[in-house]
Amino acid sequence: MNFSSNSRLWTKRSLKNAASILNLLSPRRLSWGNDTSGQEKVILSATEVKALQAEVADLEERESHLRAQLEHIDEVLRTCHLSGYLHMRTRWATLPGEPLPLDDTDVDDWLPRFVVLHGPCIFLYFLSTDLSPQDSTLLSDVVELGPMPCVTQEDGEVRYYFYILTRYGLRYECSGTSKVQVDNWLTALQEKCKLDSHSSTLGHHP
């Protein structure tokens, strides 16, 4: 990828260009002198050499981490069924005998998550560049899903919603500003979870 290639070029140039690296090491403290051939050279103390080595190691570590992030998201985008950012929150279903939950319509606890539908699971990441998911749910545990009423925000923006309910009573509520995006998620999840397209619940429970 271009971004990864540019990162490697930048790192190599930094390593080859002593002046640009030395700028990171307070060059005013550097000593200058001449070698036996009369060529001007930089004289580094042991402390400055260690600082330079640490800076180079940090550049290499950052490059390695960036490469791993790029390779991971490339793999996700190439192999997943569907992915994208959604705003999400979680709720637990009310068990028999428990009081009904309080109306939390006005509670703003929605958080952006990068959601990936891959294989038999739904994976939730904080960011698309994260190497490990924050959470995951087996599609076989999904017993119900469907749309929720859309809401017009104070700024006039319309948000569209859907929910996913697992057999354990955990309910994921998801939202986006695009109706097409939300419809695509509902369609994909219905197909993957083998839900009846005319109903939000499974035809049978195991």
Protein backbone atom coordinates (compact mmCIF):
# COMPACT_ATOMS: atom_id res chain seq x y z
CA MET A 1 0.00 0.00 0.00
CA ASN A 2 1.16 3.53 -0.67
CA PHE A 3 0.95 4.63 2.95
CA SER A 4 3.09 1.70 4.12
CA SER A 5 5.59 2.29 1.29
CA ASN A 6 5.86 5.97 2.13
CA SER A 7 6.43 5.10 5.78
CA ARG A 8 9.32 2.78 4.92
CA LEU A 9 10.88 5.38 2.62
CA TRP A 10 10.57 8.02 5.30
CA THR A 11 12.22 5.77 7.87
CA LYS A 12 15.10 4.83 5.57
CA ARG A 13 15.72 8.45 4.66
CA SER A 14 15.71 9.39 8.34
CA LEU A 15 18.30 6.75 9.11
CA LYS A 16 20.52 7.81 6.21
CA ASN A 17 20.19 11.53 6.84
CA ALA A 18 22.23 12.25 9.95
CA ALA A 19 21.20 15.87 10.08
CA SER A 20 17.46 15.13 10.32
CA ILE A 21 17.96 12.61 13.11
CA LEU A 22 20.41 14.82 14.98
CA ASN A 23 17.81 17.57 14.99
CA LEU A 24 15.81 15.33 17.32
CA LEU A 25 18.77 15.13 19.69
CA SER A 26 19.31 18.82 20.58
CA PRO A 27 22.02 19.58 17.96
CA ARG A 28 23.19 22.68 19.85
CA ARG A 29 24.96 20.35 22.27
CA LEU A 30 26.85 18.51 19.49
CA SER A 31 30.58 19.02 19.04
CA TRP A 32 32.13 19.52 15.62
CA GLY A 33 35.70 18.77 14.55
CA ASN A 34 37.91 17.75 11.62
CA ASP A 35 39.26 14.30 10.83
CA THR A 36 42.79 13.61 9.56
CA SER A 37 41.76 14.44 5.99
CA GLY A 38 40.35 17.80 7.01
CA GLN A 39 36.74 16.76 6.58
CA GLU A 40 34.31 18.24 9.08
CA LYS A 41 32.62 15.65 11.27
CA VAL A 42 30.27 15.41 14.22
CA ILE A 43 31.74 14.25 17.51
CA LEU A 44 29.20 12.37 19.62
CA SER A 45 29.48 11.53 23.27
CA ALA A 46 28.50 8.08 24.54
CA THR A 47 25.26 9.54 25.89
CA GLU A 48 24.41 11.07 22.52
CA VAL A 49 25.17 7.80 20.73
CA LYS A 50 22.80 5.94 23.07
CA ALA A 51 20.13 8.58 22.51
CA LEU A 52 20.57 8.23 18.74
CA GLN A 53 20.34 4.45 18.95
CA ALA A 54 17.17 4.73 21.05
CA GLU A 55 15.63 7.10 18.50
CA VAL A 56 16.43 4.71 15.64
CA ALA A 57 14.97 1.78 17.60
CA ASP A 58 11.81 3.81 18.26
CA LEU A 59 11.45 4.57 14.54
CA GLU A 60 11.84 0.90 13.68
CA GLU A 61 9.29 -0.12 16.33
CA ARG A 62 6.75 2.42 15.09
CA GLU A 63 7.28 1.29 11.50
CA SER A 64 6.77 -2.35 12.51
CA HIS A 65 3.57 -1.52 14.41
CA LEU A 66 2.23 0.54 11.51
CA ARG A 67 2.97 -2.28 9.07
CA ALA A 68 1.13 -4.75 11.32
CA GLN A 69 -1.90 -2.43 11.49
CA LEU A 70 -2.00 -1.99 7.72
CA GLU A 71 -1.65 -5.72 7.08
CA HIS A 72 -4.42 -6.46 9.59
CA ILE A 73 -6.97 -4.03 8.18
CA ASP A 74 -6.11 -5.14 4.64
CA GLU A 75 -6.82 -8.75 5.66
CA VAL A 76 -10.09 -7.73 7.35
CA LEU A 77 -11.35 -5.78 4.35
CA ARG A 78 -10.41 -8.57 1.92
CA THR A 79 -11.97 -11.44 3.84
CA CYS A 80 -14.91 -10.10 5.85
CA HIS A 81 -18.52 -10.23 4.71
CA LEU A 82 -19.25 -6.69 5.92
CA SER A 83 -17.48 -4.05 7.99
CA GLY A 84 -17.84 -0.44 9.00
CA TYR A 85 -18.25 2.03 11.82
CA LEU A 86 -21.50 2.05 13.81
CA HIS A 87 -22.51 3.76 17.02
CA MET A 88 -23.42 1.12 19.59
CA ARG A 89 -24.57 0.54 23.13
CA THR A 90 -25.52 -2.59 25.07
CA ARG A 91 -28.51 -3.47 27.21
CA TRP A 92 -29.57 -6.60 29.10
CA ALA A 93 -33.02 -8.09 28.59
CA THR A 94 -35.34 -8.09 31.60
CA LEU A 95 -35.57 -11.51 33.23
CA PRO A 96 -38.89 -12.95 34.46
CA GLY A 97 -39.85 -11.38 37.78
CA GLU A 98 -37.55 -8.39 37.36
CA PRO A 99 -39.01 -4.86 37.24
CA LEU A 100 -39.19 -3.22 33.84
CA PRO A 101 -36.12 -1.12 33.03
CA LEU A 102 -36.32 2.65 33.38
CA ASP A 103 -36.82 4.69 30.23
CA ASP A 104 -33.27 5.45 29.08
CA THR A 105 -34.16 7.07 25.77
CA ASP A 106 -32.35 10.25 26.75
CA VAL A 107 -29.25 8.45 28.05
CA ASP A 108 -26.41 9.23 25.65
CA ASP A 109 -24.08 6.26 26.08
CA TRP A 110 -23.56 5.53 22.37
CA LEU A 111 -19.97 4.83 21.38
CA PRO A 112 -18.41 4.40 17.92
CA ARG A 113 -17.22 0.89 17.14
CA PHE A 114 -15.67 -0.68 14.05
CA VAL A 115 -17.90 -3.70 13.44
CA VAL A 116 -16.78 -6.69 11.37
CA LEU A 117 -18.97 -9.55 10.18
CA HIS A 118 -16.49 -12.33 9.51
CA GLY A 119 -17.04 -16.08 9.43
CA PRO A 120 -19.24 -17.23 12.33
CA CYS A 121 -18.74 -14.09 14.42
CA ILE A 122 -19.43 -10.41 14.82
CA PHE A 123 -16.27 -8.64 15.98
CA LEU A 124 -16.24 -5.24 17.68
CA TYR A 125 -13.14 -3.04 17.57
CA PHE A 126 -12.56 0.38 19.09
CA LEU A 127 -10.81 1.44 15.86
CA SER A 128 -10.34 -0.12 12.45
CA THR A 129 -6.56 -0.15 13.06
CA ASP A 130 -6.78 -2.16 16.30
CA LEU A 131 -5.10 -5.55 16.06
CA SER A 132 -7.46 -7.28 18.51
CA PRO A 133 -11.24 -6.94 18.93
CA GLN A 134 -12.75 -5.51 22.08
CA ASP A 135 -15.63 -7.99 21.97
CA SER A 136 -17.18 -10.67 19.77
CA THR A 137 -20.47 -12.55 19.45
CA LEU A 138 -21.17 -15.85 17.75
CA LEU A 139 -23.84 -15.63 15.06
CA SER A 140 -25.26 -18.89 16.39
CA ASP A 141 -26.07 -17.05 19.64
CA VAL A 142 -28.21 -14.43 17.88
CA VAL A 143 -31.92 -15.18 18.42
CA GLU A 144 -33.49 -11.95 17.27
CA LEU A 145 -32.68 -8.81 15.32
CA GLY A 146 -34.58 -6.05 13.63
CA PRO A 147 -34.99 -2.34 12.94
CA MET A 148 -35.73 0.28 15.57
CA PRO A 149 -37.49 3.62 15.04
CA CYS A 150 -35.33 6.27 13.42
CA VAL A 151 -34.69 9.49 15.34
CA THR A 152 -34.23 13.04 14.09
CA GLN A 153 -31.52 14.82 16.07
CA GLU A 154 -31.68 18.45 17.18
CA ASP A 155 -29.42 19.42 14.28
CA GLY A 156 -31.84 17.81 11.83
CA GLU A 157 -29.69 14.73 11.20
CA VAL A 158 -31.65 11.48 11.01
CA ARG A 159 -30.18 8.40 12.66
CA TYR A 160 -31.30 4.87 11.82
CA TYR A 161 -31.23 2.03 14.33
CA PHE A 162 -31.33 -1.73 14.62
CA TYR A 163 -30.78 -4.23 17.41
CA ILE A 164 -29.22 -7.65 17.87
CA LEU A 165 -30.38 -9.90 20.73
CA THR A 166 -28.43 -12.95 21.90
CA ARG A 167 -29.70 -16.05 23.67
CA TYR A 168 -28.04 -14.76 26.86
CA GLY A 169 -30.20 -11.64 26.96
CA LEU A 170 -27.47 -9.28 25.76
CA ARG A 171 -28.90 -6.72 23.38
CA TYR A 172 -26.70 -4.70 21.04
CA GLU A 173 -28.32 -1.49 19.81
CA CYS A 174 -26.66 -0.08 16.70
CA SER A 175 -27.11 3.16 14.79
CA GLY A 176 -25.87 4.97 11.71
CA THR A 177 -26.68 8.07 9.68
CA SER A 178 -27.18 6.07 6.48
CA LYS A 179 -30.36 4.06 5.94
CA VAL A 180 -28.57 2.07 3.24
CA GLN A 181 -25.82 1.12 5.70
CA VAL A 182 -28.31 -0.02 8.35
CA ASP A 183 -30.37 -1.96 5.78
CA ASN A 184 -27.20 -3.66 4.53
CA TRP A 185 -26.33 -4.78 8.06
CA LEU A 186 -29.82 -6.11 8.69
CA THR A 187 -29.85 -8.02 5.40
CA ALA A 188 -26.38 -9.49 5.94
CA LEU A 189 -27.15 -10.53 9.51
CA GLN A 190 -30.48 -12.10 8.53
CA GLU A 191 -28.70 -14.16 5.88
CA LYS A 192 -25.80 -15.18 8.11
CA CYS A 193 -27.99 -15.95 11.13
CA LYS A 194 -30.51 -17.74 8.88
CA LEU A 195 -33.33 -15.50 10.04
CA ASP A 196 -36.62 -15.25 8.18
CA SER A 197 -36.48 -12.01 6.17
CA HIS A 198 -40.14 -11.39 7.06
CA SER A 199 -39.55 -11.79 10.77
CA SER A 200 -36.97 -10.53 13.22
CA THR A 201 -36.86 -13.80 15.17
CA LEU A 202 -35.54 -17.24 14.46
CA GLY A 203 -37.98 -19.78 13.16
CA HIS A 204 -36.87 -22.16 15.90
CA HIS A 205 -34.66 -22.08 18.96
CA PRO A 206 -32.11 -24.81 19.67
